[in-house]
Protein backbone atom coordinates (compact mmCIF):
# COMPACT_ATOMS: atom_id res chain seq x y z
CA UNK A 1 219.34 132.15 124.47
CA UNK A 2 217.61 132.50 121.11
CA UNK A 3 217.00 129.51 118.86
CA UNK A 4 219.69 128.58 116.34
CA UNK A 5 218.25 127.08 113.20
CA UNK A 6 220.45 124.17 112.13
CA UNK A 7 220.83 124.14 108.36
CA UNK A 8 222.61 121.18 106.82
CA UNK A 9 224.47 121.25 103.55
CA UNK A 10 222.30 120.15 100.64
CA UNK A 11 224.92 117.62 99.54
CA UNK A 12 226.50 116.34 102.78
CA UNK A 13 225.38 116.55 106.42
CA UNK A 14 227.61 119.31 107.80
CA UNK A 15 225.58 121.97 109.65
CA UNK A 16 225.90 125.74 109.64
CA UNK A 17 226.82 125.56 113.33
CA UNK A 18 230.27 124.21 112.35
CA UNK A 19 232.93 126.91 112.95
CA UNK A 20 234.47 128.43 109.80
CA UNK A 21 232.10 126.52 107.49
CA UNK A 22 230.80 128.63 104.63
CA UNK A 23 227.78 128.09 102.38
CA UNK A 24 227.12 129.03 98.78
CA UNK A 25 223.55 128.37 97.60
CA UNK A 26 223.06 125.82 100.36
CA UNK A 27 226.26 123.89 99.63
CA UNK A 28 229.06 123.90 102.21
CA UNK A 29 232.65 124.90 101.54
CA UNK A 30 233.77 121.32 102.17
CA UNK A 31 231.65 120.02 99.30
CA UNK A 32 232.60 122.96 97.08
CA UNK A 33 236.29 122.28 97.71
CA UNK A 34 235.84 118.60 96.95
CA UNK A 35 234.20 119.44 93.61
CA UNK A 36 237.10 121.77 92.80
CA UNK A 37 239.50 118.87 93.32
CA UNK A 38 238.01 117.21 90.25
CA UNK A 39 239.28 120.12 88.16
CA UNK A 40 242.84 119.94 89.50
CA UNK A 41 245.56 118.68 87.21
CA UNK A 42 247.10 116.26 89.69
CA UNK A 43 249.88 115.30 87.28
CA UNK A 44 250.96 118.93 87.26
CA UNK A 45 250.72 119.11 91.06
CA UNK A 46 252.88 116.00 91.32
CA UNK A 47 255.50 117.65 89.13
CA UNK A 48 255.41 120.69 91.42
CA UNK A 49 256.04 118.43 94.37
CA UNK A 50 258.95 116.83 92.51
CA UNK A 51 260.47 120.31 92.10
CA UNK A 52 260.29 120.83 95.85
CA UNK A 53 261.94 117.45 96.40
CA UNK A 54 264.74 118.23 93.95
CA UNK A 55 265.36 121.59 95.57
CA UNK A 56 265.48 120.07 99.04
CA UNK A 57 267.94 117.39 97.95
CA UNK A 58 270.26 120.07 96.56
CA UNK A 59 270.01 122.58 99.39
CA UNK A 60 269.77 120.54 102.57
CA UNK A 61 273.20 119.80 103.99
CA UNK A 62 272.17 117.97 107.14
CA UNK A 63 271.12 114.37 107.61
CA UNK A 64 267.37 114.97 107.28
CA UNK A 65 265.62 116.47 104.28
CA UNK A 66 262.35 117.20 106.03
CA UNK A 67 260.17 116.70 109.09
CA UNK A 68 256.99 114.65 108.99
CA UNK A 69 254.65 115.36 111.93
CA UNK A 70 253.30 111.92 112.88
CA UNK A 71 250.85 110.37 115.30
CA UNK A 72 251.21 106.79 114.13
CA UNK A 73 247.82 107.06 112.43
CA UNK A 74 246.82 106.04 108.92
CA UNK A 75 247.82 109.37 107.40
CA UNK A 76 251.22 109.27 109.11
CA UNK A 77 251.94 106.00 107.31
CA UNK A 78 250.90 107.40 103.93
CA UNK A 79 252.91 110.62 104.42
CA UNK A 80 256.01 108.63 105.34
CA UNK A 81 255.63 106.14 102.50
CA UNK A 82 255.20 108.96 99.97
CA UNK A 83 258.28 110.81 101.20
CA UNK A 84 260.39 107.64 101.12
CA UNK A 85 259.09 106.95 97.60
CA UNK A 86 260.62 110.28 96.53
CA UNK A 87 263.98 109.43 98.03
CA UNK A 88 263.94 111.86 100.93
CA UNK A 89 265.27 111.04 104.38
CA UNK A 90 262.65 112.34 106.83
CA UNK A 91 262.70 112.80 110.57
CA UNK A 92 259.30 111.69 111.81
CA UNK A 93 258.29 113.77 114.84
CA UNK A 94 255.67 112.42 117.22
CA UNK A 95 254.12 114.82 119.72
CA UNK A 96 252.99 112.23 122.25
CA UNK A 97 249.40 112.20 123.47
CA UNK A 98 248.56 112.32 127.16
CA UNK A 99 246.51 109.11 127.23
CA UNK A 100 248.10 106.89 124.60
CA UNK A 101 246.22 103.69 123.84
CA UNK A 102 247.90 100.30 123.48
CA UNK A 103 246.90 100.27 119.82
CA UNK A 104 248.37 103.73 119.39
CA UNK A 105 251.69 102.53 120.75
CA UNK A 106 251.58 99.48 118.48
CA UNK A 107 251.07 101.66 115.41
CA UNK A 108 253.89 104.05 116.35
CA UNK A 109 256.23 101.07 116.62
CA UNK A 110 254.98 99.80 113.25
CA UNK A 111 255.69 103.21 111.70
CA UNK A 112 259.32 102.94 112.76
CA UNK A 113 259.60 99.70 110.81
CA UNK A 114 259.07 101.60 107.56
CA UNK A 115 262.75 102.50 107.85
CA UNK A 116 262.75 105.98 109.34
CA UNK A 117 264.12 107.79 112.36
CA UNK A 118 261.35 108.74 114.78
CA UNK A 119 261.65 111.42 117.45
CA UNK A 120 259.00 111.18 120.16
CA UNK A 121 258.57 114.31 122.26
CA UNK A 122 256.65 113.85 125.51
CA UNK A 123 255.75 116.95 127.50
CA UNK A 124 255.62 117.09 131.32
CA UNK A 125 252.63 114.81 132.09
CA UNK A 126 251.78 116.48 135.40
CA UNK A 127 251.61 119.91 133.77
CA UNK A 128 249.70 118.52 130.82
CA UNK A 129 247.03 116.97 133.03
CA UNK A 130 246.60 120.36 134.69
CA UNK A 131 246.24 122.04 131.31
CA UNK A 132 243.83 119.39 129.98
CA UNK A 133 241.51 119.77 132.96
CA UNK A 134 241.67 123.55 132.69
CA UNK A 135 240.87 123.63 128.96
CA UNK A 136 238.00 121.16 129.37
CA UNK A 137 236.49 123.43 132.01
CA UNK A 138 237.16 126.75 130.29
CA UNK A 139 236.76 126.11 126.55
CA UNK A 140 235.13 122.67 126.53
CA UNK A 141 238.07 120.84 124.95
CA UNK A 142 240.14 118.19 126.73
CA UNK A 143 242.42 117.94 123.67
CA UNK A 144 243.59 121.57 123.43
CA UNK A 145 247.13 120.62 124.44
CA UNK A 146 247.26 117.96 121.74
CA UNK A 147 245.95 120.32 119.05
CA UNK A 148 248.64 122.88 119.74
CA UNK A 149 251.62 120.56 120.26
CA UNK A 150 250.89 118.83 116.96
CA UNK A 151 251.86 122.18 115.40
CA UNK A 152 254.40 123.64 117.81
CA UNK A 153 256.67 120.68 118.52
CA UNK A 154 257.48 119.87 114.85
CA UNK A 155 258.10 123.59 114.28
CA UNK A 156 260.47 123.73 117.25
CA UNK A 157 262.31 120.63 116.07
CA UNK A 158 262.57 122.29 112.66
CA UNK A 159 264.28 125.32 114.22
CA UNK A 160 266.49 123.41 116.66
CA UNK A 161 267.76 120.93 114.06
CA UNK A 162 267.71 123.41 111.15
CA UNK A 163 265.38 121.26 109.02
CA UNK A 164 263.45 123.85 107.00
CA UNK A 165 260.74 121.73 105.35
CA UNK A 166 257.77 120.37 107.33
CA UNK A 167 255.48 118.06 105.34
CA UNK A 168 251.96 117.69 106.67
CA UNK A 169 249.33 115.36 105.28
CA UNK A 170 245.77 116.55 104.94
CA UNK A 171 244.77 120.17 104.56
CA UNK A 172 241.95 119.97 107.07
CA UNK A 173 240.52 123.30 105.97
CA UNK A 174 240.00 121.78 102.52
CA UNK A 175 238.57 118.44 103.65
CA UNK A 176 236.46 119.74 106.53
CA UNK A 177 235.16 122.93 105.00
CA UNK A 178 237.10 125.96 106.17
CA UNK A 179 237.24 129.41 104.59
CA UNK A 180 237.31 129.21 100.80
CA UNK A 181 240.46 131.35 100.67
CA UNK A 182 242.38 128.41 102.18
CA UNK A 183 241.28 125.88 99.59
CA UNK A 184 243.45 126.46 96.56
CA UNK A 185 247.14 126.56 95.75
CA UNK A 186 249.93 124.31 96.88
CA UNK A 187 251.40 126.26 99.79
CA UNK A 188 249.79 127.94 102.78
CA UNK A 189 251.55 130.25 105.21
CA UNK A 190 251.63 127.96 108.24
CA UNK A 191 252.56 130.63 110.75
CA UNK A 192 251.36 131.37 114.26
CA UNK A 193 248.39 133.34 112.94
CA UNK A 194 247.22 130.34 110.90
CA UNK A 195 247.60 128.01 113.90
CA UNK A 196 245.69 130.39 116.19
CA UNK A 197 242.81 130.58 113.71
CA UNK A 198 242.60 127.04 112.33
CA UNK A 199 244.51 124.88 114.81
CA UNK A 200 241.45 124.02 116.89
CA UNK A 201 242.55 126.15 119.85
CA UNK A 202 239.08 127.56 120.67
CA UNK A 203 240.50 131.06 120.93
CA UNK A 204 242.77 130.09 123.83
CA UNK A 205 246.44 131.04 123.53
CA UNK A 206 249.45 129.65 125.35
CA UNK A 207 250.00 133.08 126.87
CA UNK A 208 246.49 132.85 128.36
CA UNK A 209 247.41 129.51 129.97
CA UNK A 210 250.60 131.03 131.38
CA UNK A 211 248.84 134.04 132.85
CA UNK A 212 245.77 132.29 134.27
CA UNK A 213 247.49 129.20 135.68
CA UNK A 214 250.62 131.11 136.74
CA UNK A 215 252.93 128.85 134.72
CA UNK A 216 256.27 130.19 133.56
CA UNK A 217 256.77 130.71 129.84
CA UNK A 218 259.78 128.41 129.92
CA UNK A 219 257.64 125.51 131.17
CA UNK A 220 255.20 126.18 128.34
CA UNK A 221 257.84 126.35 125.61
CA UNK A 222 256.64 123.10 123.92
CA UNK A 223 253.19 124.72 123.60
CA UNK A 224 254.61 127.85 121.98
CA UNK A 225 255.22 128.40 118.27
CA UNK A 226 258.76 129.58 117.43
CA UNK A 227 259.38 133.27 116.83
CA UNK A 228 259.04 134.44 113.25
CA UNK A 229 262.73 135.37 113.09
CA UNK A 230 263.75 131.84 114.15
CA UNK A 231 261.67 130.40 111.32
CA UNK A 232 262.95 132.93 108.81
CA UNK A 233 266.57 132.23 109.75
CA UNK A 234 266.26 128.66 108.48
CA UNK A 235 263.76 129.53 105.73
CA UNK A 236 261.19 127.27 107.37
CA UNK A 237 258.15 126.32 105.29
CA UNK A 238 255.26 123.92 105.64
CA UNK A 239 253.30 122.14 102.93
CA UNK A 240 250.34 119.79 102.82
CA UNK A 241 250.70 116.61 100.77
CA UNK A 242 246.95 116.84 100.24
CA UNK A 243 247.55 119.88 98.05
CA UNK A 244 249.78 117.83 95.72
CA UNK A 245 248.12 114.40 95.80
CA UNK A 246 244.43 113.55 95.97
CA UNK A 247 243.71 112.82 99.63
CA UNK A 248 241.25 110.23 100.93
CA UNK A 249 241.28 109.08 104.56
CA UNK A 250 239.59 105.77 103.78
CA UNK A 251 242.03 104.86 101.01
CA UNK A 252 244.91 105.96 103.23
CA UNK A 253 243.77 103.53 105.90
CA UNK A 254 243.60 100.66 103.41
CA UNK A 255 247.09 101.45 102.11
CA UNK A 256 248.56 101.92 105.58
CA UNK A 257 247.15 98.56 106.65
CA UNK A 258 249.29 96.86 104.00
CA UNK A 259 252.40 98.24 105.72
CA UNK A 260 251.64 97.28 109.31
CA UNK A 261 249.05 99.81 110.44
CA UNK A 262 246.47 98.07 112.66
CA UNK A 263 242.74 98.77 112.78
CA UNK A 264 240.60 98.65 115.92
CA UNK A 265 239.41 95.11 116.62
CA UNK A 266 235.71 95.99 116.32
CA UNK A 267 234.00 97.12 113.13
CA UNK A 268 233.49 100.61 114.51
CA UNK A 269 235.07 102.80 117.14
CA UNK A 270 232.75 104.16 119.78
CA UNK A 271 231.39 107.46 118.50
CA UNK A 272 232.35 106.75 114.89
CA UNK A 273 231.38 104.68 111.87
CA UNK A 274 234.95 103.57 111.02
CA UNK A 275 237.62 101.62 112.90
CA UNK A 276 240.82 103.14 111.53
CA UNK A 277 241.23 106.70 112.85
CA UNK A 278 241.81 108.38 116.21
CA UNK A 279 243.27 105.17 117.57
CA UNK A 280 246.03 106.75 119.65
CA UNK A 281 244.44 109.17 122.08
CA UNK A 282 241.83 107.93 124.56
CA UNK A 283 240.70 111.53 125.09
CA UNK A 284 239.29 111.76 121.56
CA UNK A 285 235.88 110.35 122.46
CA UNK A 286 235.40 113.15 124.99
CA UNK A 287 236.69 115.71 122.50
CA UNK A 288 234.19 114.60 119.84
CA UNK A 289 231.31 114.50 122.32
CA UNK A 290 231.90 118.12 123.26
CA UNK A 291 231.88 119.00 119.58
CA UNK A 292 228.38 117.52 119.49
CA UNK A 293 227.28 119.40 122.60
CA UNK A 294 228.50 122.71 121.18
CA UNK A 295 227.59 122.40 117.51
CA UNK A 296 225.21 119.48 117.05
CA UNK A 297 227.48 117.18 115.04
CA UNK A 298 230.42 114.86 115.71
CA UNK A 299 232.77 112.38 114.03
CA UNK A 300 229.84 110.33 112.75
CA UNK A 301 228.62 113.35 110.81
CA UNK A 302 232.11 114.03 109.49
CA UNK A 303 232.56 110.52 108.13
CA UNK A 304 229.04 110.40 106.72
CA UNK A 305 229.80 113.60 104.82
CA UNK A 306 233.16 112.36 103.51
CA UNK A 307 231.56 109.12 102.34
CA UNK A 308 228.72 110.99 100.60
CA UNK A 309 231.18 113.10 98.61
CA UNK A 310 232.98 109.97 97.41
CA UNK A 311 229.72 108.16 96.54
CA UNK A 312 230.31 105.41 99.09
CA UNK A 313 226.88 105.97 100.62
CA UNK A 314 223.84 108.01 99.65
CA UNK A 315 222.74 111.04 101.60
CA UNK A 316 219.65 109.14 102.76
CA UNK A 317 221.79 106.28 104.07
CA UNK A 318 224.07 108.78 105.76
CA UNK A 319 221.16 110.53 107.45
CA UNK A 320 219.98 107.24 108.89
CA UNK A 321 223.45 106.45 110.21
CA UNK A 322 223.85 109.93 111.63
CA UNK A 323 220.48 109.83 113.39
CA UNK A 324 221.30 106.44 114.92
CA UNK A 325 224.89 107.04 116.04
CA UNK A 326 225.59 110.75 116.36
CA UNK A 327 225.89 112.30 119.82
CA UNK A 328 226.11 109.18 121.98
CA UNK A 329 227.39 109.69 125.53
CA UNK A 330 231.08 108.67 125.86
CA UNK A 331 230.68 105.77 128.31
CA UNK A 332 233.92 104.22 127.05
CA UNK A 333 236.48 104.40 124.31
CA UNK A 334 238.43 101.51 122.85
CA UNK A 335 237.47 99.39 125.83
CA UNK A 336 238.54 101.96 128.43
CA UNK A 337 235.74 103.20 130.70
CA UNK A 338 235.03 106.92 130.97
CA UNK A 339 235.75 106.98 134.72
CA UNK A 340 239.27 105.68 134.09
CA UNK A 341 239.89 108.33 131.45
CA UNK A 342 238.56 111.10 133.69
CA UNK A 343 240.78 109.89 136.54
CA UNK A 344 243.73 111.00 134.41
CA UNK A 345 242.74 114.64 135.00
CA UNK A 346 241.36 114.13 138.52
CA UNK A 347 237.73 114.57 137.48
CA UNK A 348 234.69 112.65 138.75
CA UNK A 349 231.73 111.61 136.61
CA UNK A 350 229.35 114.11 138.31
CA UNK A 351 231.87 116.89 137.73
CA UNK A 352 232.23 115.83 134.11
CA UNK A 353 228.46 115.76 133.58
CA UNK A 354 228.19 119.24 135.06
CA UNK A 355 230.76 120.52 132.54
CA UNK A 356 228.86 118.76 129.76
CA UNK A 357 225.69 120.56 130.77
CA UNK A 358 227.48 123.91 130.84
CA UNK A 359 228.69 123.46 127.26
CA UNK A 360 225.46 122.06 125.84
CA UNK A 361 224.10 124.49 123.27
CA UNK A 362 220.59 124.88 124.66
CA UNK A 363 219.46 126.73 121.55
CA UNK A 364 219.72 123.64 119.32
CA UNK A 365 218.91 120.78 121.71
CA UNK A 366 215.96 119.39 123.57
CA UNK A 367 215.59 116.39 125.87
CA UNK A 368 213.28 113.59 124.72
CA UNK A 369 211.04 111.41 126.90
CA UNK A 370 213.91 109.00 127.58
CA UNK A 371 216.13 111.78 128.86
CA UNK A 372 218.30 111.74 125.74
CA UNK A 373 219.75 114.90 124.25
CA UNK A 374 218.60 115.35 120.66
CA UNK A 375 218.43 118.06 118.04
CA UNK A 376 214.87 119.31 117.69
CA UNK A 377 213.32 117.86 114.54
CA UNK A 378 211.72 121.16 113.56
CA UNK A 379 215.20 122.73 113.44
CA UNK A 380 216.58 120.39 110.77
CA UNK A 381 216.49 121.58 107.18
CA UNK A 382 217.20 119.77 103.91
CA UNK A 383 216.70 116.36 105.52
CA UNK A 384 214.28 115.23 102.85
CA UNK A 385 215.88 116.91 99.85
């Protein structure tokens, strides 16, 4: 395998190894999009959102005006509070995780106390464990099933209950640096094609799962996006609140906390530099570690970059944090040991380590004298700029 030269954004720390990230004159699309936000007339965007609200109130004849996909996380609270502020009656739809933490359950129950109906959809756990093990082994992602059901289950509820409007929170392609064509405007065509490309599915489709694992399509229905005609029949549409209101994960966490959202008891989650996100799914530590093995960055790098853009820390401070905390082995998460988490998918530690080695991008890593996996120093650019 030939060497891959890691080039970091001149403003934040995101590397060119990140999928879908684009660069213009050394600046990543995430930073470019953030700068464009400063030019947005948010008052006008808010008025546009009000028009959508007014239209929904007039046209919707059922009990619910819209669906809010929720996890019980900080953004779920902010989405729900914003929708209630505008006088809509939402149905909050939770696509349950496979390994829900105690804190995750606590926050879901707190979300209900905002005064909303919550529909929790739990897929067959035996089948899901089989899928999670398969996707970890074949595409290096234990959370594939969660990525897809976050999209498919709210869409299916939309069709089944004839609730045409789905209101998401953050436009991740804007915040995380996706293709520049997905950065502007207030509506994005959230169809199957969009989910396949930007839903974090690693190129693996539900039909692939069905064929390879010999699972009937009916059993995999929760993992399947509705047919286009079904969506068109109810005039289904999806919008991101982040396209109408300035979005900030840190501020969302502070606001959510005022309404019952609980932070992790320690100052930082394992594998992160914050204690208020990814609190529901105990698989997330493994998911983020594989991101590091594949691309040389993880959640530490993400949060460092978001903080840099908002002037909460300098790039130099962020680099120090990233060098200290990025890429640590997932010994435990939220107090739960790795072996216990792996037991959920019938995987031993040696088997897990073997999979880790198979997905380690040998072109960007070397092993130091202590046996630690690190990015070669001579392959880092812009570190001192």
